[in-house]
Amino acid sequence: MPLSRKLRYWMEAGIFFIFMGLFRLLGLDAASAVGGLLGRKILYRTRISDRARKNLRMAFPDKSDDDMEQIVVEMWDNLGRTIAEYAHLDKFHFQGRGARIEVANMETGVRIIEQGKGILFVSGHFGNWEIMPIAATEYGLDGALVYRPLNNPYVDRWMVKQRGIRGPREHLGKGAQGTKRIFTLLRACKSIFLLVDQKTSEGVPAPFFGRIAMTTPAPAALALKLGAVILPVTNERLNGARFRMTVHEPIAIEPTGDHDRDVLALTAKINDIIERAVRHRPSQWLWIHRRWPKEGDKPRNRRGQGAQALAGAGVRVDSDGSSFI
């Protein structure tokens, strides 16, 4: 690593750890409140809010400007709180005294767990997205979290350690080694935790809010190959640093023999659940991602090139994976 980059990472990490230390001293509830305040008053005023507004306009063309702006403000409040809460991940649990997580439709999760199969827990950036693996680990499920490592290695190591206090200790990145480990865990009837709501250039063109969105095919492909269960979970902030995690029904897998079409159909079903959760509480989702392809993007594979061509032609995609104008 070049010295200039290392110095930059040290400086970034130093500032980050100062804030985390202050949030830790404040206590969970106060830290969450201060994080929300910083989100509303400072982060909201940054240029990245323009991307959130653009995404909201594409998803909700009929909403008023005032409604859009309220969603953006509340989104930053939630994100600021989530950042502050990383200093207190050890305090989140759903059982016993002081529980901060309630689990809706727990019976579905129990039923799936009792089947003794590998489970692909899929979710998105809702509320505090660290809640899902924490709750599952507290219930007694073993497995691994799939994540994208942060650019700053010092902050990344700290984040991995924080997640591992109450959540899964094993973190898997992209690449052949991570994929091999996922196969091993699922075949051993363990659990894999994934957030599937970000654009990926290696994805498949699946519908999201009626538009083509490049989406990871990993859950669908793994479920089809290994017989693992795809179990969607969504999360919402209730009040302050308290959450409701909802376990949805597992996604039905009905192979047709056409692998590519089956992967796309399953991925479209996952996106449909993510979309319905976003529509339920738009301000709980992270709108600052570049979720849809835009002119000038350079897809890395054949699927991505096809999706960009369709997007440029104004093509929308139905929930079964078929296209329409």
Protein backbone atom coordinates (compact mmCIF):
# COMPACT_ATOMS: atom_id res chain seq x y z
CA MET A 1 0.00 0.00 0.00
CA PRO A 2 1.45 3.42 -0.95
CA LEU A 3 2.36 5.58 2.03
CA SER A 4 0.02 8.38 0.90
CA ARG A 5 -2.94 6.01 0.89
CA LYS A 6 -1.96 4.54 4.22
CA LEU A 7 -1.78 8.01 5.77
CA ARG A 8 -5.21 8.84 4.36
CA TYR A 9 -6.65 5.64 5.80
CA TRP A 10 -5.08 6.40 9.20
CA MET A 11 -6.61 9.88 9.19
CA GLU A 12 -10.04 8.57 8.17
CA ALA A 13 -9.89 5.83 10.77
CA GLY A 14 -8.79 8.27 13.47
CA ILE A 15 -11.79 10.52 12.86
CA PHE A 16 -14.12 7.53 12.67
CA PHE A 17 -12.89 6.03 15.95
CA ILE A 18 -13.18 9.38 17.74
CA PHE A 19 -16.85 9.50 16.78
CA MET A 20 -17.39 5.85 17.73
CA GLY A 21 -15.78 6.48 21.10
CA LEU A 22 -18.05 9.46 21.73
CA PHE A 23 -21.11 7.47 20.68
CA ARG A 24 -20.08 4.69 23.04
CA LEU A 25 -19.76 7.11 25.95
CA LEU A 26 -23.19 8.58 25.26
CA GLY A 27 -24.99 5.25 25.63
CA LEU A 28 -27.17 3.60 23.01
CA ASP A 29 -30.31 5.74 23.13
CA ALA A 30 -28.47 9.06 23.30
CA ALA A 31 -26.01 8.01 20.60
CA SER A 32 -28.85 6.98 18.30
CA ALA A 33 -30.59 10.33 18.87
CA VAL A 34 -27.41 12.33 18.22
CA GLY A 35 -26.69 10.27 15.10
CA GLY A 36 -30.20 11.02 13.83
CA LEU A 37 -29.68 14.73 14.50
CA LEU A 38 -26.38 14.72 12.56
CA GLY A 39 -28.10 12.90 9.73
CA ARG A 40 -30.97 15.40 9.49
CA LYS A 41 -28.90 18.56 9.97
CA ILE A 42 -25.59 17.75 8.26
CA LEU A 43 -25.69 14.65 6.02
CA TYR A 44 -29.03 15.73 4.57
CA ARG A 45 -27.41 18.90 3.23
CA THR A 46 -24.70 17.09 1.27
CA ARG A 47 -24.85 16.64 -2.50
CA ILE A 48 -25.55 12.94 -2.18
CA SER A 49 -29.12 13.84 -1.25
CA ASP A 50 -29.62 14.69 -4.92
CA ARG A 51 -29.11 11.04 -5.80
CA ALA A 52 -31.75 10.06 -3.26
CA ARG A 53 -34.18 12.57 -4.79
CA LYS A 54 -33.49 11.24 -8.29
CA ASN A 55 -34.07 7.65 -7.19
CA LEU A 56 -37.26 8.59 -5.38
CA ARG A 57 -38.57 10.40 -8.44
CA MET A 58 -38.03 7.26 -10.54
CA ALA A 59 -39.69 5.01 -7.95
CA PHE A 60 -42.57 7.32 -6.95
CA PRO A 61 -43.30 9.66 -9.88
CA ASP A 62 -46.67 10.66 -8.37
CA LYS A 63 -45.38 11.84 -4.99
CA SER A 64 -45.19 15.56 -4.30
CA ASP A 65 -41.89 17.37 -3.83
CA ASP A 66 -42.73 17.91 -0.16
CA ASP A 67 -43.37 14.19 0.36
CA MET A 68 -40.10 13.36 -1.39
CA GLU A 69 -38.17 15.79 0.77
CA GLN A 70 -39.67 14.38 3.97
CA ILE A 71 -38.56 10.89 2.93
CA VAL A 72 -35.02 12.14 2.27
CA VAL A 73 -34.84 13.83 5.68
CA GLU A 74 -36.13 10.72 7.46
CA MET A 75 -33.75 8.50 5.47
CA TRP A 76 -30.79 10.54 6.71
CA ASP A 77 -32.15 10.41 10.26
CA ASN A 78 -32.23 6.62 10.03
CA LEU A 79 -28.77 6.40 8.48
CA GLY A 80 -27.26 8.71 11.09
CA ARG A 81 -28.78 6.60 13.84
CA THR A 82 -27.54 3.39 12.23
CA ILE A 83 -23.98 4.69 12.03
CA ALA A 84 -24.04 5.71 15.69
CA GLU A 85 -25.49 2.34 16.70
CA TYR A 86 -22.42 0.51 15.41
CA ALA A 87 -20.78 1.52 18.68
CA HIS A 88 -23.47 -0.46 20.53
CA LEU A 89 -24.15 -3.59 18.45
CA ASP A 90 -23.46 -5.67 21.56
CA LYS A 91 -26.67 -4.31 23.15
CA PHE A 92 -29.15 -5.57 20.55
CA HIS A 93 -31.15 -8.73 21.28
CA PHE A 94 -34.73 -9.99 21.05
CA GLN A 95 -35.00 -12.23 24.10
CA GLY A 96 -35.18 -11.37 27.78
CA ARG A 97 -34.99 -8.13 29.66
CA GLY A 98 -34.12 -5.00 27.72
CA ALA A 99 -34.88 -6.57 24.33
CA ARG A 100 -34.71 -4.05 21.49
CA ILE A 101 -35.81 -6.33 18.67
CA GLU A 102 -39.23 -7.82 18.16
CA VAL A 103 -39.65 -10.57 15.59
CA ALA A 104 -42.84 -10.73 13.54
CA ASN A 105 -43.94 -14.07 12.04
CA MET A 106 -41.32 -15.95 14.04
CA GLU A 107 -43.30 -19.15 13.54
CA THR A 108 -42.39 -19.17 9.85
CA GLY A 109 -38.71 -18.90 10.67
CA VAL A 110 -38.98 -21.70 13.22
CA ARG A 111 -40.77 -23.92 10.70
CA ILE A 112 -38.06 -23.40 8.09
CA ILE A 113 -35.25 -23.93 10.59
CA GLU A 114 -36.79 -27.22 11.69
CA GLN A 115 -36.61 -28.53 8.13
CA GLY A 116 -32.87 -28.87 8.60
CA LYS A 117 -31.85 -27.26 5.31
CA GLY A 118 -29.37 -24.58 4.47
CA ILE A 119 -31.01 -21.16 4.64
CA LEU A 120 -30.27 -18.08 2.55
CA PHE A 121 -31.49 -15.12 4.59
CA VAL A 122 -32.00 -12.27 2.12
CA SER A 123 -32.76 -8.66 3.01
CA GLY A 124 -31.89 -5.08 2.12
CA HIS A 125 -30.68 -1.86 3.70
CA PHE A 126 -33.72 -1.30 5.91
CA GLY A 127 -33.65 0.38 9.33
CA ASN A 128 -30.47 -0.94 10.94
CA TRP A 129 -29.58 -3.79 8.57
CA GLU A 130 -27.30 -5.46 11.14
CA ILE A 131 -30.37 -6.63 13.08
CA MET A 132 -31.10 -9.71 10.93
CA PRO A 133 -27.83 -11.62 11.49
CA ILE A 134 -27.76 -10.59 15.17
CA ALA A 135 -31.25 -11.97 15.83
CA ALA A 136 -30.58 -15.18 13.88
CA THR A 137 -27.34 -15.80 15.75
CA GLU A 138 -29.07 -15.18 19.09
CA TYR A 139 -31.65 -17.80 18.10
CA GLY A 140 -28.79 -20.29 17.68
CA LEU A 141 -28.17 -20.38 13.94
CA ASP A 142 -24.62 -20.87 12.72
CA GLY A 143 -23.46 -19.38 9.46
CA ALA A 144 -21.70 -16.52 7.77
CA LEU A 145 -22.38 -12.98 6.65
CA VAL A 146 -21.65 -12.04 3.04
CA TYR A 147 -20.43 -8.46 2.81
CA ARG A 148 -18.40 -6.01 0.76
CA PRO A 149 -15.24 -5.03 2.69
CA LEU A 150 -14.84 -1.31 3.31
CA ASN A 151 -12.07 0.47 1.43
CA ASN A 152 -10.45 1.53 4.70
CA PRO A 153 -8.92 -1.67 6.13
CA TYR A 154 -8.65 -0.31 9.70
CA VAL A 155 -12.32 0.63 9.87
CA ASP A 156 -13.25 -2.61 8.12
CA ARG A 157 -11.51 -4.76 10.74
CA TRP A 158 -13.30 -2.88 13.51
CA MET A 159 -16.68 -3.30 11.81
CA VAL A 160 -16.15 -7.03 11.37
CA LYS A 161 -15.24 -7.33 15.04
CA GLN A 162 -18.33 -5.35 16.12
CA ARG A 163 -20.66 -7.51 14.03
CA GLY A 164 -19.10 -10.65 15.46
CA ILE A 165 -19.87 -9.73 19.08
CA ARG A 166 -23.53 -10.79 18.79
CA GLY A 167 -23.76 -11.79 15.12
CA PRO A 168 -21.94 -14.32 12.96
CA ARG A 169 -18.19 -14.14 13.33
CA GLU A 170 -17.48 -15.43 9.86
CA HIS A 171 -17.55 -12.79 7.11
CA LEU A 172 -17.27 -13.76 3.46
CA GLY A 173 -16.31 -11.47 0.60
CA LYS A 174 -16.65 -11.90 -3.13
CA GLY A 175 -14.49 -14.28 -5.10
CA ALA A 176 -13.92 -17.98 -5.56
CA GLN A 177 -12.84 -18.59 -1.96
CA GLY A 178 -15.97 -16.97 -0.54
CA THR A 179 -18.22 -18.87 -2.95
CA LYS A 180 -16.59 -22.17 -2.05
CA ARG A 181 -17.17 -21.48 1.64
CA ILE A 182 -20.83 -20.61 1.02
CA PHE A 183 -21.30 -23.97 -0.71
CA THR A 184 -19.69 -25.76 2.23
CA LEU A 185 -21.88 -24.00 4.80
CA LEU A 186 -25.15 -24.50 2.94
CA ARG A 187 -24.41 -28.19 2.36
CA ALA A 188 -23.84 -28.45 6.10
CA CYS A 189 -27.31 -26.91 6.64
CA LYS A 190 -25.92 -23.63 7.95
CA SER A 191 -27.17 -20.11 7.25
CA ILE A 192 -25.94 -17.40 4.91
CA PHE A 193 -26.94 -13.75 5.41
CA LEU A 194 -27.05 -11.46 2.38
CA LEU A 195 -28.18 -7.92 1.53
CA VAL A 196 -29.36 -8.06 -2.07
CA ASP A 197 -30.61 -4.53 -2.83
CA GLN A 198 -27.51 -2.95 -4.37
CA LYS A 199 -26.62 -2.75 -8.04
CA THR A 200 -24.03 -5.23 -9.23
CA SER A 201 -22.47 -5.20 -12.68
CA GLU A 202 -22.27 -9.01 -12.56
CA GLY A 203 -26.01 -9.28 -11.87
CA VAL A 204 -29.11 -10.19 -13.81
CA PRO A 205 -31.66 -7.66 -15.15
CA ALA A 206 -34.53 -8.10 -12.71
CA PRO A 207 -37.48 -5.74 -12.15
CA PHE A 208 -37.44 -3.24 -9.31
CA PHE A 209 -40.10 -0.54 -9.19
CA GLY A 210 -40.95 -1.43 -12.79
CA ARG A 211 -37.45 -0.75 -14.06
CA ILE A 212 -34.54 -2.99 -14.89
CA ALA A 213 -32.13 -3.24 -11.95
CA MET A 214 -28.94 -5.28 -12.06
CA THR A 215 -29.38 -7.65 -9.13
CA THR A 216 -27.19 -10.36 -7.68
CA PRO A 217 -28.26 -13.82 -8.90
CA ALA A 218 -26.39 -15.56 -6.07
CA PRO A 219 -29.36 -16.52 -3.82
CA ALA A 220 -31.37 -17.89 -6.74
CA ALA A 221 -28.44 -19.80 -8.22
CA LEU A 222 -27.44 -21.29 -4.86
CA ALA A 223 -31.00 -22.32 -4.01
CA LEU A 224 -31.47 -24.01 -7.39
CA LYS A 225 -28.16 -25.87 -7.16
CA LEU A 226 -28.15 -26.87 -3.49
CA GLY A 227 -31.83 -26.99 -2.54
CA ALA A 228 -31.33 -24.27 0.07
CA VAL A 229 -34.29 -22.21 1.28
CA ILE A 230 -34.54 -18.53 0.36
CA LEU A 231 -36.00 -16.80 3.42
CA PRO A 232 -36.67 -13.07 3.01
CA VAL A 233 -36.43 -10.88 6.11
CA THR A 234 -37.15 -7.15 6.39
CA ASN A 235 -36.45 -4.75 9.20
CA GLU A 236 -37.92 -1.43 10.31
CA ARG A 237 -37.08 1.07 13.00
CA LEU A 238 -39.94 1.45 15.48
CA ASN A 239 -38.82 4.16 17.87
CA GLY A 240 -35.29 5.28 18.54
CA ALA A 241 -33.03 2.24 18.76
CA ARG A 242 -35.81 -0.38 18.67
CA PHE A 243 -36.73 -2.54 15.71
CA ARG A 244 -39.22 -4.98 14.25
CA MET A 245 -37.79 -7.77 12.13
CA THR A 246 -40.36 -9.47 9.89
CA VAL A 247 -39.80 -13.01 8.63
CA HIS A 248 -41.60 -13.55 5.34
CA GLU A 249 -42.70 -16.80 3.75
CA PRO A 250 -39.90 -18.64 1.93
CA ILE A 251 -39.76 -18.05 -1.81
CA ALA A 252 -41.21 -20.96 -3.77
CA ILE A 253 -38.69 -22.60 -6.08
CA GLU A 254 -40.20 -24.27 -9.15
CA PRO A 255 -37.43 -25.25 -11.60
CA THR A 256 -38.44 -25.42 -15.26
CA GLY A 257 -35.19 -26.83 -16.58
CA ASP A 258 -34.19 -23.48 -18.09
CA HIS A 259 -31.53 -22.40 -15.59
CA ASP A 260 -31.14 -18.79 -16.73
CA ARG A 261 -34.88 -18.19 -16.74
CA ASP A 262 -35.28 -19.86 -13.33
CA VAL A 263 -32.54 -17.68 -11.84
CA LEU A 264 -34.14 -14.54 -13.26
CA ALA A 265 -37.62 -15.52 -12.06
CA LEU A 266 -36.40 -16.21 -8.51
CA THR A 267 -34.38 -13.00 -8.44
CA ALA A 268 -37.47 -11.09 -9.58
CA LYS A 269 -39.43 -12.58 -6.67
CA ILE A 270 -36.76 -11.43 -4.22
CA ASN A 271 -36.83 -7.92 -5.68
CA ASP A 272 -40.61 -7.89 -5.41
CA ILE A 273 -40.41 -8.51 -1.65
CA ILE A 274 -37.74 -5.83 -1.26
CA GLU A 275 -39.88 -3.39 -3.26
CA ARG A 276 -43.00 -4.05 -1.18
CA ALA A 277 -41.03 -3.38 2.01
CA VAL A 278 -39.70 -0.13 0.55
CA ARG A 279 -43.20 0.95 -0.45
CA HIS A 280 -44.43 0.17 3.07
CA ARG A 281 -41.94 2.59 4.68
CA PRO A 282 -39.90 4.43 2.03
CA SER A 283 -37.89 6.46 4.54
CA GLN A 284 -36.46 3.27 6.06
CA TRP A 285 -34.60 2.33 2.87
CA LEU A 286 -31.22 3.66 1.76
CA TRP A 287 -32.02 5.71 -1.36
CA ILE A 288 -28.45 6.89 -1.99
CA HIS A 289 -27.39 3.74 -3.86
CA ARG A 290 -27.14 3.87 -7.66
CA ARG A 291 -29.74 1.14 -7.99
CA TRP A 292 -30.62 1.42 -11.68
CA PRO A 293 -28.26 1.50 -14.68
CA LYS A 294 -27.68 4.86 -16.30
CA GLU A 295 -26.22 6.09 -19.52
CA GLY A 296 -22.45 5.77 -19.44
CA ASP A 297 -22.35 2.67 -17.24
CA LYS A 298 -20.10 -0.09 -18.54
CA PRO A 299 -21.54 -3.50 -17.60
CA ARG A 300 -19.00 -6.26 -17.10
CA ASN A 301 -20.93 -9.16 -18.61
CA ARG A 302 -23.42 -10.10 -21.33
CA ARG A 303 -26.42 -9.83 -19.01
CA GLY A 304 -25.42 -6.35 -17.96
CA GLN A 305 -24.92 -5.20 -21.55
CA GLY A 306 -28.38 -6.48 -22.44
CA ALA A 307 -29.93 -4.74 -19.45
CA GLN A 308 -28.30 -1.43 -20.33
CA ALA A 309 -29.57 -1.72 -23.90
CA LEU A 310 -33.10 -2.33 -22.64
CA ALA A 311 -32.87 0.55 -20.19
CA GLY A 312 -31.73 2.87 -22.97
CA ALA A 313 -34.74 1.81 -25.04
CA GLY A 314 -37.13 2.63 -22.20
CA VAL A 315 -37.99 -1.02 -21.54
CA ARG A 316 -39.51 -1.96 -18.20
CA VAL A 317 -39.60 -5.45 -16.74
CA ASP A 318 -42.52 -7.38 -15.33
CA SER A 319 -42.24 -9.46 -12.16
CA ASP A 320 -41.99 -12.73 -14.07
CA GLY A 321 -38.83 -11.51 -15.82
CA SER A 322 -40.50 -10.70 -19.14
CA SER A 323 -40.14 -7.24 -20.65
CA PHE A 324 -42.69 -4.69 -21.73
CA ILE A 325 -42.59 -1.16 -23.12
